[in-house]
Amino acid sequence: MSLDRFLTQVVPVRQKLYRFAFRLLGNEEDAQDITQDALMKVWGMQEKMAELQNMEAWCMRITRNLALDKLKSRKYRMSDELDRAGEMPATHQQSPHAVTEQNDVMEKVHVAINALPEKYRTILQLRDIDGHSYQEIADILDIDMNDVKVNLHRARKTVREKLQNLQVYGL
């Protein structure tokens, strides 16, 4: 692989790799380290890149594996911080009440997502937050596309039910 190919095909997905690592780890510094390690690993495996069909999926898989290794090796626990990687600045001034209510709802959504099993959480992140296609998710996670669809449905259903229970019953 040449430097030009690396710069045109790998470097542009660096932010997606970071957001994915951040979602898995919940920590900015660790996500930056994992992203850097993933880029180094991709550069070190240049000879394999010629035979790849989807460079982005391969990079995402490397990032996922490195993040999961970090989680396992340190018995790392996700913090309850909000997902700052996906936050968007407010474009207009809202009332303090509306801002507080919106933050409260988003915190409940994040808690519900963080309570999901790792497989569901990862698939939900890749599809609904990062916008990957079902096939790309199947390639990244090295699973069947039907498994992606089933697990995504179950993840969404679980989050929806938790939020409905909070709304109706306060549970």
C-alpha atoms as a PDB file:
ATOM      1  CA  MET A   1       0.000   0.000   0.000  1.00  0.00           C
ATOM      2  CA  SER A   2       1.253   3.408  -0.822  1.00  0.00           C
ATOM      3  CA  LEU A   3       1.046   6.460   1.355  1.00  0.00           C
ATOM      4  CA  ASP A   4      -1.438   7.969  -1.115  1.00  0.00           C
ATOM      5  CA  ARG A   5      -3.816   5.019  -0.753  1.00  0.00           C
ATOM      6  CA  PHE A   6      -3.552   5.179   3.026  1.00  0.00           C
ATOM      7  CA  LEU A   7      -4.281   8.909   2.996  1.00  0.00           C
ATOM      8  CA  THR A   8      -7.264   8.573   0.637  1.00  0.00           C
ATOM      9  CA  GLN A   9      -8.897   5.410   1.982  1.00  0.00           C
ATOM     10  CA  VAL A  10      -7.959   5.074   5.650  1.00  0.00           C
ATOM     11  CA  VAL A  11      -7.389   8.539   7.087  1.00  0.00           C
ATOM     12  CA  PRO A  12     -10.863   9.853   6.065  1.00  0.00           C
ATOM     13  CA  VAL A  13     -12.551   7.216   8.290  1.00  0.00           C
ATOM     14  CA  ARG A  14     -10.462   8.191  11.327  1.00  0.00           C
ATOM     15  CA  GLN A  15     -13.354  10.124  12.938  1.00  0.00           C
ATOM     16  CA  LYS A  16     -15.734   7.171  12.490  1.00  0.00           C
ATOM     17  CA  LEU A  17     -13.140   4.910  14.102  1.00  0.00           C
ATOM     18  CA  TYR A  18     -12.809   7.336  17.003  1.00  0.00           C
ATOM     19  CA  ARG A  19     -16.582   7.614  17.537  1.00  0.00           C
ATOM     20  CA  PHE A  20     -16.901   3.838  17.429  1.00  0.00           C
ATOM     21  CA  ALA A  21     -14.065   3.354  19.934  1.00  0.00           C
ATOM     22  CA  PHE A  22     -15.474   6.089  22.152  1.00  0.00           C
ATOM     23  CA  ARG A  23     -18.894   4.435  22.154  1.00  0.00           C
ATOM     24  CA  LEU A  24     -17.374   1.103  23.158  1.00  0.00           C
ATOM     25  CA  LEU A  25     -15.012   2.511  25.800  1.00  0.00           C
ATOM     26  CA  GLY A  26     -16.799   5.638  27.033  1.00  0.00           C
ATOM     27  CA  ASN A  27     -13.519   7.499  27.499  1.00  0.00           C
ATOM     28  CA  GLU A  28     -11.981  10.115  25.180  1.00  0.00           C
ATOM     29  CA  GLU A  29      -8.331   9.359  25.877  1.00  0.00           C
ATOM     30  CA  ASP A  30      -8.747   5.609  25.506  1.00  0.00           C
ATOM     31  CA  ALA A  31     -10.734   6.091  22.300  1.00  0.00           C
ATOM     32  CA  GLN A  32      -7.963   8.271  20.897  1.00  0.00           C
ATOM     33  CA  ASP A  33      -5.365   5.648  21.834  1.00  0.00           C
ATOM     34  CA  ILE A  34      -7.391   2.837  20.250  1.00  0.00           C
ATOM     35  CA  THR A  35      -7.915   4.879  17.079  1.00  0.00           C
ATOM     36  CA  GLN A  36      -4.197   5.565  16.834  1.00  0.00           C
ATOM     37  CA  ASP A  37      -3.389   1.899  17.464  1.00  0.00           C
ATOM     38  CA  ALA A  38      -5.870   0.862  14.784  1.00  0.00           C
ATOM     39  CA  LEU A  39      -4.312   3.212  12.242  1.00  0.00           C
ATOM     40  CA  MET A  40      -0.854   1.901  13.113  1.00  0.00           C
ATOM     41  CA  LYS A  41      -2.051  -1.680  12.745  1.00  0.00           C
ATOM     42  CA  VAL A  42      -3.631  -0.923   9.361  1.00  0.00           C
ATOM     43  CA  TRP A  43      -0.403   0.688   8.192  1.00  0.00           C
ATOM     44  CA  GLY A  44       1.562  -2.322   9.436  1.00  0.00           C
ATOM     45  CA  MET A  45      -0.647  -4.729   7.480  1.00  0.00           C
ATOM     46  CA  GLN A  46      -0.209  -3.008   4.126  1.00  0.00           C
ATOM     47  CA  GLU A  47       0.225  -6.220   2.168  1.00  0.00           C
ATOM     48  CA  LYS A  48      -3.247  -7.427   3.167  1.00  0.00           C
ATOM     49  CA  MET A  49      -4.968  -4.257   1.964  1.00  0.00           C
ATOM     50  CA  ALA A  50      -4.696  -5.106  -1.724  1.00  0.00           C
ATOM     51  CA  GLU A  51      -7.120  -8.014  -1.350  1.00  0.00           C
ATOM     52  CA  LEU A  52      -9.761  -6.156   0.704  1.00  0.00           C
ATOM     53  CA  GLN A  53     -13.165  -5.310  -0.714  1.00  0.00           C
ATOM     54  CA  ASN A  54     -14.261  -2.903   2.011  1.00  0.00           C
ATOM     55  CA  MET A  55     -11.418  -0.969   3.626  1.00  0.00           C
ATOM     56  CA  GLU A  56     -13.684   0.879   6.063  1.00  0.00           C
ATOM     57  CA  ALA A  57     -15.254  -2.318   7.398  1.00  0.00           C
ATOM     58  CA  TRP A  58     -11.810  -3.824   7.899  1.00  0.00           C
ATOM     59  CA  CYS A  59     -10.638  -0.731   9.813  1.00  0.00           C
ATOM     60  CA  MET A  60     -13.787  -0.797  11.950  1.00  0.00           C
ATOM     61  CA  ARG A  61     -13.225  -4.472  12.761  1.00  0.00           C
ATOM     62  CA  ILE A  62      -9.644  -3.752  13.838  1.00  0.00           C
ATOM     63  CA  THR A  63     -10.864  -0.873  16.018  1.00  0.00           C
ATOM     64  CA  ARG A  64     -13.569  -3.041  17.566  1.00  0.00           C
ATOM     65  CA  ASN A  65     -11.143  -5.842  18.346  1.00  0.00           C
ATOM     66  CA  LEU A  66      -8.617  -3.473  19.924  1.00  0.00           C
ATOM     67  CA  ALA A  67     -11.331  -1.825  22.036  1.00  0.00           C
ATOM     68  CA  LEU A  68     -12.699  -5.172  23.182  1.00  0.00           C
ATOM     69  CA  ASP A  69      -9.180  -6.336  24.044  1.00  0.00           C
ATOM     70  CA  LYS A  70      -8.757  -3.224  26.183  1.00  0.00           C
ATOM     71  CA  LEU A  71     -12.078  -3.847  27.899  1.00  0.00           C
ATOM     72  CA  LYS A  72     -11.127  -7.442  28.675  1.00  0.00           C
ATOM     73  CA  SER A  73      -7.519  -6.863  29.687  1.00  0.00           C
ATOM     74  CA  ARG A  74      -8.186  -4.142  32.260  1.00  0.00           C
ATOM     75  CA  LYS A  75     -11.656  -5.213  33.320  1.00  0.00           C
ATOM     76  CA  TYR A  76     -12.494  -1.781  32.080  1.00  0.00           C
ATOM     77  CA  ARG A  77     -15.900  -0.402  32.975  1.00  0.00           C
ATOM     78  CA  MET A  78     -17.846   2.093  30.941  1.00  0.00           C
ATOM     79  CA  SER A  79     -18.555   5.345  32.692  1.00  0.00           C
ATOM     80  CA  ASP A  80     -22.070   6.737  32.852  1.00  0.00           C
ATOM     81  CA  GLU A  81     -21.004   9.920  31.043  1.00  0.00           C
ATOM     82  CA  LEU A  82     -23.113  11.028  28.143  1.00  0.00           C
ATOM     83  CA  ASP A  83     -21.844  10.163  24.714  1.00  0.00           C
ATOM     84  CA  ARG A  84     -19.908  13.372  24.068  1.00  0.00           C
ATOM     85  CA  ALA A  85     -18.637  12.138  20.703  1.00  0.00           C
ATOM     86  CA  GLY A  86     -22.105  12.411  19.205  1.00  0.00           C
ATOM     87  CA  GLU A  87     -23.241  15.649  20.828  1.00  0.00           C
ATOM     88  CA  MET A  88     -24.228  18.490  18.581  1.00  0.00           C
ATOM     89  CA  PRO A  89     -24.119  22.112  19.681  1.00  0.00           C
ATOM     90  CA  ALA A  90     -27.420  23.932  20.010  1.00  0.00           C
ATOM     91  CA  THR A  91     -28.076  26.209  17.069  1.00  0.00           C
ATOM     92  CA  HIS A  92     -30.740  28.276  18.809  1.00  0.00           C
ATOM     93  CA  GLN A  93     -31.362  29.382  22.361  1.00  0.00           C
ATOM     94  CA  GLN A  94     -33.708  27.117  24.320  1.00  0.00           C
ATOM     95  CA  SER A  95     -35.299  27.735  27.665  1.00  0.00           C
ATOM     96  CA  PRO A  96     -33.457  26.252  30.651  1.00  0.00           C
ATOM     97  CA  HIS A  97     -36.461  24.022  31.321  1.00  0.00           C
ATOM     98  CA  ALA A  98     -36.398  22.597  27.760  1.00  0.00           C
ATOM     99  CA  VAL A  99     -32.637  22.049  27.917  1.00  0.00           C
ATOM    100  CA  THR A 100     -32.906  20.262  31.261  1.00  0.00           C
ATOM    101  CA  GLU A 101     -35.753  18.098  30.028  1.00  0.00           C
ATOM    102  CA  GLN A 102     -33.875  17.223  26.836  1.00  0.00           C
ATOM    103  CA  ASN A 103     -30.729  16.344  28.818  1.00  0.00           C
ATOM    104  CA  ASP A 104     -32.797  14.195  31.169  1.00  0.00           C
ATOM    105  CA  VAL A 105     -34.348  12.279  28.268  1.00  0.00           C
ATOM    106  CA  MET A 106     -30.971  11.811  26.568  1.00  0.00           C
ATOM    107  CA  GLU A 107     -29.450  10.551  29.809  1.00  0.00           C
ATOM    108  CA  LYS A 108     -32.243   7.974  30.108  1.00  0.00           C
ATOM    109  CA  VAL A 109     -31.659   6.886  26.500  1.00  0.00           C
ATOM    110  CA  HIS A 110     -27.924   6.512  27.122  1.00  0.00           C
ATOM    111  CA  VAL A 111     -28.531   4.539  30.313  1.00  0.00           C
ATOM    112  CA  ALA A 112     -30.903   2.221  28.436  1.00  0.00           C
ATOM    113  CA  ILE A 113     -28.387   1.743  25.607  1.00  0.00           C
ATOM    114  CA  ASN A 114     -25.484   1.183  28.008  1.00  0.00           C
ATOM    115  CA  ALA A 115     -27.510  -1.507  29.802  1.00  0.00           C
ATOM    116  CA  LEU A 116     -27.764  -3.537  26.585  1.00  0.00           C
ATOM    117  CA  PRO A 117     -25.514  -6.538  26.026  1.00  0.00           C
ATOM    118  CA  GLU A 118     -22.306  -5.643  24.149  1.00  0.00           C
ATOM    119  CA  LYS A 119     -23.469  -7.205  20.868  1.00  0.00           C
ATOM    120  CA  TYR A 120     -26.729  -5.241  20.811  1.00  0.00           C
ATOM    121  CA  ARG A 121     -24.990  -2.020  21.872  1.00  0.00           C
ATOM    122  CA  THR A 122     -22.382  -2.358  19.116  1.00  0.00           C
ATOM    123  CA  ILE A 123     -24.910  -3.060  16.370  1.00  0.00           C
ATOM    124  CA  LEU A 124     -27.140  -0.178  17.526  1.00  0.00           C
ATOM    125  CA  GLN A 125     -24.118   2.153  17.506  1.00  0.00           C
ATOM    126  CA  LEU A 126     -23.020   1.104  14.034  1.00  0.00           C
ATOM    127  CA  ARG A 127     -26.470   1.366  12.464  1.00  0.00           C
ATOM    128  CA  ASP A 128     -28.307   4.187  14.221  1.00  0.00           C
ATOM    129  CA  ILE A 129     -25.451   6.449  15.249  1.00  0.00           C
ATOM    130  CA  ASP A 130     -22.754   5.819  12.634  1.00  0.00           C
ATOM    131  CA  GLY A 131     -25.181   5.076   9.787  1.00  0.00           C
ATOM    132  CA  HIS A 132     -23.593   1.897   8.425  1.00  0.00           C
ATOM    133  CA  SER A 133     -25.557  -0.413   6.143  1.00  0.00           C
ATOM    134  CA  TYR A 134     -26.551  -3.885   7.282  1.00  0.00           C
ATOM    135  CA  GLN A 135     -23.921  -5.419   4.999  1.00  0.00           C
ATOM    136  CA  GLU A 136     -21.191  -3.144   6.361  1.00  0.00           C
ATOM    137  CA  ILE A 137     -22.138  -4.087   9.923  1.00  0.00           C
ATOM    138  CA  ALA A 138     -22.075  -7.765   8.985  1.00  0.00           C
ATOM    139  CA  ASP A 139     -18.590  -7.271   7.513  1.00  0.00           C
ATOM    140  CA  ILE A 140     -17.343  -5.297  10.520  1.00  0.00           C
ATOM    141  CA  LEU A 141     -18.609  -7.803  13.077  1.00  0.00           C
ATOM    142  CA  ASP A 142     -18.020 -10.843  10.870  1.00  0.00           C
ATOM    143  CA  ILE A 143     -21.578 -12.142  11.321  1.00  0.00           C
ATOM    144  CA  ASP A 144     -24.470 -12.975   9.000  1.00  0.00           C
ATOM    145  CA  MET A 145     -26.603 -10.061   7.776  1.00  0.00           C
ATOM    146  CA  ASN A 146     -29.762 -11.709   9.142  1.00  0.00           C
ATOM    147  CA  ASP A 147     -28.120 -11.791  12.587  1.00  0.00           C
ATOM    148  CA  VAL A 148     -27.483  -8.050  12.257  1.00  0.00           C
ATOM    149  CA  LYS A 149     -31.143  -7.379  11.482  1.00  0.00           C
ATOM    150  CA  VAL A 150     -32.440  -9.607  14.279  1.00  0.00           C
ATOM    151  CA  ASN A 151     -30.054  -8.199  16.889  1.00  0.00           C
ATOM    152  CA  LEU A 152     -30.759  -4.616  15.833  1.00  0.00           C
ATOM    153  CA  HIS A 153     -34.503  -5.228  16.142  1.00  0.00           C
ATOM    154  CA  ARG A 154     -34.051  -6.765  19.588  1.00  0.00           C
ATOM    155  CA  ALA A 155     -31.805  -3.909  20.729  1.00  0.00           C
ATOM    156  CA  ARG A 156     -34.266  -1.259  19.575  1.00  0.00           C
ATOM    157  CA  LYS A 157     -37.174  -3.130  21.133  1.00  0.00           C
ATOM    158  CA  THR A 158     -35.355  -3.464  24.469  1.00  0.00           C
ATOM    159  CA  VAL A 159     -34.477   0.243  24.573  1.00  0.00           C
ATOM    160  CA  ARG A 160     -38.027   1.223  23.574  1.00  0.00           C
ATOM    161  CA  GLU A 161     -39.533  -0.999  26.302  1.00  0.00           C
ATOM    162  CA  LYS A 162     -37.189   0.383  28.970  1.00  0.00           C
ATOM    163  CA  LEU A 163     -38.038   3.944  28.017  1.00  0.00           C
ATOM    164  CA  GLN A 164     -41.765   3.188  27.951  1.00  0.00           C
ATOM    165  CA  ASN A 165     -41.554   1.580  31.399  1.00  0.00           C
ATOM    166  CA  LEU A 166     -39.737   4.662  32.695  1.00  0.00           C
ATOM    167  CA  GLN A 167     -42.372   6.945  31.201  1.00  0.00           C
ATOM    168  CA  VAL A 168     -45.422   4.974  32.337  1.00  0.00           C
ATOM    169  CA  TYR A 169     -44.336   3.342  35.574  1.00  0.00           C
ATOM    170  CA  GLY A 170     -41.229   5.277  36.562  1.00  0.00           C
ATOM    171  CA  LEU A 171     -39.291   2.010  36.671  1.00  0.00           C
END
